[in-house]
Amino acid sequence: MGVALQLDKMSTVEKLRAMESLWDDLCQKAGNVPSPPWHQKVLQSREEDTKKGTEQFTDWETAKKKIRNTIS
């Protein structure tokens, strides 16, 4: 099934609303979406790093500030 959106005719607000609708729908059906094999490997590696103490964590507010500073 193909859905054709006329993105060039949509405003930014309309595009964001469409993305939010898609995201909400995907989140409600998240259990039906299989995780790719590479993702499990990444998660295992991160868990191992956490157990070894080689992984560093940042609280969300600090992370957002860092991201904003990086992109602005």
PDB file of N, CA and C in Angstrom:
ATOM      1  N   MET A   1       0.852  -1.172   0.000  1.00  0.00           N
ATOM      2  CA  MET A   1       0.000   0.000   0.000  1.00  0.00           C
ATOM      3  C   MET A   1       0.892   1.226   0.000  1.00  0.00           C
ATOM      4  N   GLY A   2       0.707   2.070  -0.976  1.00  0.00           N
ATOM      5  CA  GLY A   2       1.486   3.294  -1.051  1.00  0.00           C
ATOM      6  C   GLY A   2       0.622   4.493  -0.716  1.00  0.00           C
ATOM      7  N   VAL A   3       1.150   5.356   0.106  1.00  0.00           N
ATOM      8  CA  VAL A   3       0.454   6.585   0.468  1.00  0.00           C
ATOM      9  C   VAL A   3       1.259   7.731  -0.105  1.00  0.00           C
ATOM     10  N   ALA A   4       0.614   8.517  -0.911  1.00  0.00           N
ATOM     11  CA  ALA A   4       1.301   9.645  -1.533  1.00  0.00           C
ATOM     12  C   ALA A   4       0.877  10.931  -0.831  1.00  0.00           C
ATOM     13  N   LEU A   5       1.839  11.583  -0.208  1.00  0.00           N
ATOM     14  CA  LEU A   5       1.591  12.874   0.418  1.00  0.00           C
ATOM     15  C   LEU A   5       2.209  13.947  -0.466  1.00  0.00           C
ATOM     16  N   GLN A   6       1.494  15.000  -0.645  1.00  0.00           N
ATOM     17  CA  GLN A   6       2.029  16.108  -1.428  1.00  0.00           C
ATOM     18  C   GLN A   6       2.803  17.030  -0.494  1.00  0.00           C
ATOM     19  N   LEU A   7       3.991  16.578  -0.148  1.00  0.00           N
ATOM     20  CA  LEU A   7       4.794  17.280   0.837  1.00  0.00           C
ATOM     21  C   LEU A   7       5.105  18.709   0.421  1.00  0.00           C
ATOM     22  N   ASP A   8       5.291  18.922  -0.858  1.00  0.00           N
ATOM     23  CA  ASP A   8       5.610  20.271  -1.324  1.00  0.00           C
ATOM     24  C   ASP A   8       4.447  21.240  -1.153  1.00  0.00           C
ATOM     25  N   LYS A   9       3.260  20.719  -0.942  1.00  0.00           N
ATOM     26  CA  LYS A   9       2.082  21.568  -0.750  1.00  0.00           C
ATOM     27  C   LYS A   9       1.678  21.688   0.717  1.00  0.00           C
ATOM     28  N   MET A  10       2.370  20.947   1.586  1.00  0.00           N
ATOM     29  CA  MET A  10       2.034  20.969   3.015  1.00  0.00           C
ATOM     30  C   MET A  10       2.865  22.026   3.730  1.00  0.00           C
ATOM     31  N   SER A  11       2.238  22.685   4.685  1.00  0.00           N
ATOM     32  CA  SER A  11       2.974  23.639   5.511  1.00  0.00           C
ATOM     33  C   SER A  11       3.818  22.857   6.516  1.00  0.00           C
ATOM     34  N   THR A  12       4.736  23.541   7.155  1.00  0.00           N
ATOM     35  CA  THR A  12       5.559  22.899   8.181  1.00  0.00           C
ATOM     36  C   THR A  12       4.685  22.364   9.304  1.00  0.00           C
ATOM     37  N   VAL A  13       3.689  23.130   9.702  1.00  0.00           N
ATOM     38  CA  VAL A  13       2.782  22.687  10.771  1.00  0.00           C
ATOM     39  C   VAL A  13       2.041  21.421  10.349  1.00  0.00           C
ATOM     40  N   GLU A  14       1.579  21.372   9.122  1.00  0.00           N
ATOM     41  CA  GLU A  14       0.877  20.186   8.626  1.00  0.00           C
ATOM     42  C   GLU A  14       1.807  18.973   8.598  1.00  0.00           C
ATOM     43  N   LYS A  15       3.059  19.185   8.198  1.00  0.00           N
ATOM     44  CA  LYS A  15       4.022  18.086   8.169  1.00  0.00           C
ATOM     45  C   LYS A  15       4.295  17.568   9.578  1.00  0.00           C
ATOM     46  N   LEU A  16       4.452  18.485  10.523  1.00  0.00           N
ATOM     47  CA  LEU A  16       4.693  18.077  11.907  1.00  0.00           C
ATOM     48  C   LEU A  16       3.498  17.319  12.475  1.00  0.00           C
ATOM     49  N   ARG A  17       2.303  17.767  12.172  1.00  0.00           N
ATOM     50  CA  ARG A  17       1.096  17.059  12.643  1.00  0.00           C
ATOM     51  C   ARG A  17       1.027  15.661  12.043  1.00  0.00           C
ATOM     52  N   ALA A  18       1.386  15.537  10.765  1.00  0.00           N
ATOM     53  CA  ALA A  18       1.389  14.226  10.118  1.00  0.00           C
ATOM     54  C   ALA A  18       2.420  13.310  10.780  1.00  0.00           C
ATOM     55  N   MET A  19       3.611  13.853  11.069  1.00  0.00           N
ATOM     56  CA  MET A  19       4.642  13.058  11.743  1.00  0.00           C
ATOM     57  C   MET A  19       4.183  12.627  13.126  1.00  0.00           C
ATOM     58  N   GLU A  20       3.543  13.528  13.861  1.00  0.00           N
ATOM     59  CA  GLU A  20       3.050  13.187  15.195  1.00  0.00           C
ATOM     60  C   GLU A  20       2.000  12.090  15.124  1.00  0.00           C
ATOM     61  N   SER A  21       1.127  12.167  14.142  1.00  0.00           N
ATOM     62  CA  SER A  21       0.101  11.131  13.978  1.00  0.00           C
ATOM     63  C   SER A  21       0.730   9.784  13.668  1.00  0.00           C
ATOM     64  N   LEU A  22       1.718   9.787  12.772  1.00  0.00           N
ATOM     65  CA  LEU A  22       2.415   8.549  12.440  1.00  0.00           C
ATOM     66  C   LEU A  22       3.129   7.986  13.659  1.00  0.00           C
ATOM     67  N   TRP A  23       3.814   8.858  14.391  1.00  0.00           N
ATOM     68  CA  TRP A  23       4.563   8.403  15.573  1.00  0.00           C
ATOM     69  C   TRP A  23       3.620   7.825  16.628  1.00  0.00           C
ATOM     70  N   ASP A  24       2.506   8.518  16.875  1.00  0.00           N
ATOM     71  CA  ASP A  24       1.526   8.021  17.847  1.00  0.00           C
ATOM     72  C   ASP A  24       1.015   6.647  17.453  1.00  0.00           C
ATOM     73  N   ASP A  25       0.718   6.475  16.178  1.00  0.00           N
ATOM     74  CA  ASP A  25       0.217   5.193  15.697  1.00  0.00           C
ATOM     75  C   ASP A  25       1.274   4.099  15.851  1.00  0.00           C
ATOM     76  N   LEU A  26       2.517   4.408  15.496  1.00  0.00           N
ATOM     77  CA  LEU A  26       3.590   3.427  15.637  1.00  0.00           C
ATOM     78  C   LEU A  26       3.816   3.050  17.096  1.00  0.00           C
ATOM     79  N   CYS A  27       3.736   4.031  17.988  1.00  0.00           N
ATOM     80  CA  CYS A  27       3.946   3.763  19.414  1.00  0.00           C
ATOM     81  C   CYS A  27       2.874   2.835  19.969  1.00  0.00           C
ATOM     82  N   GLN A  28       1.659   2.979  19.492  1.00  0.00           N
ATOM     83  CA  GLN A  28       0.564   2.128  19.968  1.00  0.00           C
ATOM     84  C   GLN A  28       0.743   0.690  19.512  1.00  0.00           C
ATOM     85  N   LYS A  29       1.492   0.499  18.423  1.00  0.00           N
ATOM     86  CA  LYS A  29       1.686  -0.841  17.865  1.00  0.00           C
ATOM     87  C   LYS A  29       3.141  -1.272  17.943  1.00  0.00           C
ATOM     88  N   ALA A  30       3.886  -0.711  18.903  1.00  0.00           N
ATOM     89  CA  ALA A  30       5.323  -0.956  18.995  1.00  0.00           C
ATOM     90  C   ALA A  30       5.661  -2.434  19.154  1.00  0.00           C
ATOM     91  N   GLY A  31       4.797  -3.183  19.804  1.00  0.00           N
ATOM     92  CA  GLY A  31       5.051  -4.613  19.990  1.00  0.00           C
ATOM     93  C   GLY A  31       5.039  -5.401  18.695  1.00  0.00           C
ATOM     94  N   ASN A  32       4.446  -4.842  17.665  1.00  0.00           N
ATOM     95  CA  ASN A  32       4.357  -5.530  16.370  1.00  0.00           C
ATOM     96  C   ASN A  32       5.548  -5.231  15.465  1.00  0.00           C
ATOM     97  N   VAL A  33       6.442  -4.356  15.908  1.00  0.00           N
ATOM     98  CA  VAL A  33       7.579  -3.973  15.084  1.00  0.00           C
ATOM     99  C   VAL A  33       8.817  -4.711  15.582  1.00  0.00           C
ATOM    100  N   PRO A  34       9.342  -5.617  14.773  1.00  0.00           N
ATOM    101  CA  PRO A  34      10.505  -6.377  15.225  1.00  0.00           C
ATOM    102  C   PRO A  34      11.754  -5.487  15.273  1.00  0.00           C
ATOM    103  N   SER A  35      12.568  -5.737  16.260  1.00  0.00           N
ATOM    104  CA  SER A  35      13.830  -5.016  16.383  1.00  0.00           C
ATOM    105  C   SER A  35      14.852  -5.697  15.483  1.00  0.00           C
ATOM    106  N   PRO A  36      15.652  -4.923  14.737  1.00  0.00           N
ATOM    107  CA  PRO A  36      16.649  -5.550  13.864  1.00  0.00           C
ATOM    108  C   PRO A  36      17.759  -6.205  14.693  1.00  0.00           C
ATOM    109  N   PRO A  37      18.381  -7.257  14.162  1.00  0.00           N
ATOM    110  CA  PRO A  37      19.418  -7.981  14.909  1.00  0.00           C
ATOM    111  C   PRO A  37      20.559  -7.083  15.399  1.00  0.00           C
ATOM    112  N   TRP A  38      20.952  -6.094  14.622  1.00  0.00           N
ATOM    113  CA  TRP A  38      22.061  -5.226  15.022  1.00  0.00           C
ATOM    114  C   TRP A  38      21.727  -4.453  16.295  1.00  0.00           C
ATOM    115  N   HIS A  39      20.449  -4.169  16.509  1.00  0.00           N
ATOM    116  CA  HIS A  39      20.049  -3.391  17.671  1.00  0.00           C
ATOM    117  C   HIS A  39      20.310  -4.170  18.954  1.00  0.00           C
ATOM    118  N   GLN A  40      20.034  -5.457  18.947  1.00  0.00           N
ATOM    119  CA  GLN A  40      20.296  -6.294  20.114  1.00  0.00           C
ATOM    120  C   GLN A  40      21.779  -6.288  20.443  1.00  0.00           C
ATOM    121  N   LYS A  41      22.630  -6.331  19.419  1.00  0.00           N
ATOM    122  CA  LYS A  41      24.075  -6.308  19.637  1.00  0.00           C
ATOM    123  C   LYS A  41      24.511  -4.993  20.277  1.00  0.00           C
ATOM    124  N   VAL A  42      23.958  -3.889  19.819  1.00  0.00           N
ATOM    125  CA  VAL A  42      24.292  -2.575  20.380  1.00  0.00           C
ATOM    126  C   VAL A  42      23.861  -2.505  21.843  1.00  0.00           C
ATOM    127  N   LEU A  43      22.656  -2.977  22.130  1.00  0.00           N
ATOM    128  CA  LEU A  43      22.167  -2.966  23.509  1.00  0.00           C
ATOM    129  C   LEU A  43      23.045  -3.823  24.420  1.00  0.00           C
ATOM    130  N   GLN A  44      23.444  -4.986  23.939  1.00  0.00           N
ATOM    131  CA  GLN A  44      24.307  -5.865  24.735  1.00  0.00           C
ATOM    132  C   GLN A  44      25.658  -5.199  24.999  1.00  0.00           C
ATOM    133  N   SER A  45      26.211  -4.556  23.993  1.00  0.00           N
ATOM    134  CA  SER A  45      27.493  -3.878  24.147  1.00  0.00           C
ATOM    135  C   SER A  45      27.392  -2.750  25.176  1.00  0.00           C
ATOM    136  N   ARG A  46      26.315  -1.993  25.108  1.00  0.00           N
ATOM    137  CA  ARG A  46      26.123  -0.902  26.062  1.00  0.00           C
ATOM    138  C   ARG A  46      25.921  -1.422  27.480  1.00  0.00           C
ATOM    139  N   GLU A  47      25.200  -2.531  27.599  1.00  0.00           N
ATOM    140  CA  GLU A  47      24.999  -3.126  28.921  1.00  0.00           C
ATOM    141  C   GLU A  47      26.333  -3.605  29.503  1.00  0.00           C
ATOM    142  N   GLU A  48      27.165  -4.207  28.664  1.00  0.00           N
ATOM    143  CA  GLU A  48      28.484  -4.654  29.112  1.00  0.00           C
ATOM    144  C   GLU A  48      29.331  -3.459  29.561  1.00  0.00           C
ATOM    145  N   ASP A  49      29.315  -2.372  28.787  1.00  0.00           N
ATOM    146  CA  ASP A  49      30.067  -1.172  29.145  1.00  0.00           C
ATOM    147  C   ASP A  49      29.576  -0.595  30.473  1.00  0.00           C
ATOM    148  N   THR A  50      28.264  -0.667  30.687  1.00  0.00           N
ATOM    149  CA  THR A  50      27.697  -0.168  31.941  1.00  0.00           C
ATOM    150  C   THR A  50      28.191  -1.012  33.115  1.00  0.00           C
ATOM    151  N   LYS A  51      28.200  -2.315  32.946  1.00  0.00           N
ATOM    152  CA  LYS A  51      28.661  -3.210  34.006  1.00  0.00           C
ATOM    153  C   LYS A  51      30.149  -3.010  34.300  1.00  0.00           C
ATOM    154  N   LYS A  52      30.927  -2.713  33.265  1.00  0.00           N
ATOM    155  CA  LYS A  52      32.361  -2.482  33.430  1.00  0.00           C
ATOM    156  C   LYS A  52      32.647  -1.109  34.037  1.00  0.00           C
ATOM    157  N   GLY A  53      31.662  -0.232  33.977  1.00  0.00           N
ATOM    158  CA  GLY A  53      31.860   1.118  34.480  1.00  0.00           C
ATOM    159  C   GLY A  53      32.517   2.048  33.472  1.00  0.00           C
ATOM    160  N   THR A  54      32.558   1.619  32.211  1.00  0.00           N
ATOM    161  CA  THR A  54      33.183   2.444  31.174  1.00  0.00           C
ATOM    162  C   THR A  54      32.180   3.331  30.436  1.00  0.00           C
ATOM    163  N   GLU A  55      30.928   3.204  30.762  1.00  0.00           N
ATOM    164  CA  GLU A  55      29.865   4.003  30.139  1.00  0.00           C
ATOM    165  C   GLU A  55      29.562   5.194  31.036  1.00  0.00           C
ATOM    166  N   GLN A  56      29.367   6.353  30.427  1.00  0.00           N
ATOM    167  CA  GLN A  56      29.025   7.546  31.188  1.00  0.00           C
ATOM    168  C   GLN A  56      27.594   7.949  30.860  1.00  0.00           C
ATOM    169  N   PHE A  57      26.899   8.437  31.880  1.00  0.00           N
ATOM    170  CA  PHE A  57      25.509   8.839  31.705  1.00  0.00           C
ATOM    171  C   PHE A  57      25.353  10.323  31.991  1.00  0.00           C
ATOM    172  N   THR A  58      24.383  10.928  31.311  1.00  0.00           N
ATOM    173  CA  THR A  58      24.062  12.336  31.498  1.00  0.00           C
ATOM    174  C   THR A  58      22.566  12.448  31.704  1.00  0.00           C
ATOM    175  N   ASP A  59      22.152  13.275  32.665  1.00  0.00           N
ATOM    176  CA  ASP A  59      20.714  13.454  32.838  1.00  0.00           C
ATOM    177  C   ASP A  59      20.150  14.177  31.612  1.00  0.00           C
ATOM    178  N   TRP A  60      18.863  14.011  31.396  1.00  0.00           N
ATOM    179  CA  TRP A  60      18.222  14.478  30.173  1.00  0.00           C
ATOM    180  C   TRP A  60      18.337  15.991  29.988  1.00  0.00           C
ATOM    181  N   GLU A  61      18.165  16.764  31.031  1.00  0.00           N
ATOM    182  CA  GLU A  61      18.251  18.225  30.911  1.00  0.00           C
ATOM    183  C   GLU A  61      19.646  18.655  30.470  1.00  0.00           C
ATOM    184  N   THR A  62      20.672  18.057  31.052  1.00  0.00           N
ATOM    185  CA  THR A  62      22.048  18.374  30.668  1.00  0.00           C
ATOM    186  C   THR A  62      22.311  17.951  29.228  1.00  0.00           C
ATOM    187  N   ALA A  63      21.812  16.781  28.859  1.00  0.00           N
ATOM    188  CA  ALA A  63      21.992  16.291  27.488  1.00  0.00           C
ATOM    189  C   ALA A  63      21.341  17.234  26.484  1.00  0.00           C
ATOM    190  N   LYS A  64      20.132  17.712  26.783  1.00  0.00           N
ATOM    191  CA  LYS A  64      19.452  18.637  25.866  1.00  0.00           C
ATOM    192  C   LYS A  64      20.246  19.920  25.700  1.00  0.00           C
ATOM    193  N   LYS A  65      20.786  20.456  26.793  1.00  0.00           N
ATOM    194  CA  LYS A  65      21.587  21.671  26.716  1.00  0.00           C
ATOM    195  C   LYS A  65      22.825  21.440  25.845  1.00  0.00           C
ATOM    196  N   LYS A  66      23.466  20.302  26.041  1.00  0.00           N
ATOM    197  CA  LYS A  66      24.663  19.980  25.261  1.00  0.00           C
ATOM    198  C   LYS A  66      24.329  19.878  23.776  1.00  0.00           C
ATOM    199  N   ILE A  67      23.223  19.222  23.451  1.00  0.00           N
ATOM    200  CA  ILE A  67      22.791  19.091  22.059  1.00  0.00           C
ATOM    201  C   ILE A  67      22.512  20.464  21.464  1.00  0.00           C
ATOM    202  N   ARG A  68      21.770  21.281  22.207  1.00  0.00           N
ATOM    203  CA  ARG A  68      21.445  22.633  21.719  1.00  0.00           C
ATOM    204  C   ARG A  68      22.700  23.449  21.466  1.00  0.00           C
ATOM    205  N   ASN A  69      23.680  23.357  22.374  1.00  0.00           N
ATOM    206  CA  ASN A  69      24.932  24.088  22.199  1.00  0.00           C
ATOM    207  C   ASN A  69      25.716  23.595  21.002  1.00  0.00           C
ATOM    208  N   THR A  70      25.616  22.310  20.721  1.00  0.00           N
ATOM    209  CA  THR A  70      26.337  21.726  19.610  1.00  0.00           C
ATOM    210  C   THR A  70      25.759  22.164  18.267  1.00  0.00           C
ATOM    211  N   ILE A  71      24.426  22.265  18.187  1.00  0.00           N
ATOM    212  CA  ILE A  71      23.798  22.565  16.901  1.00  0.00           C
ATOM    213  C   ILE A  71      23.547  24.049  16.665  1.00  0.00           C
ATOM    214  N   SER A  72      23.765  24.875  17.680  1.00  0.00           N
ATOM    215  CA  SER A  72      23.500  26.297  17.461  1.00  0.00           C
ATOM    216  C   SER A  72      24.768  27.078  17.225  1.00  0.00           C
TER     217      SER A  72
END
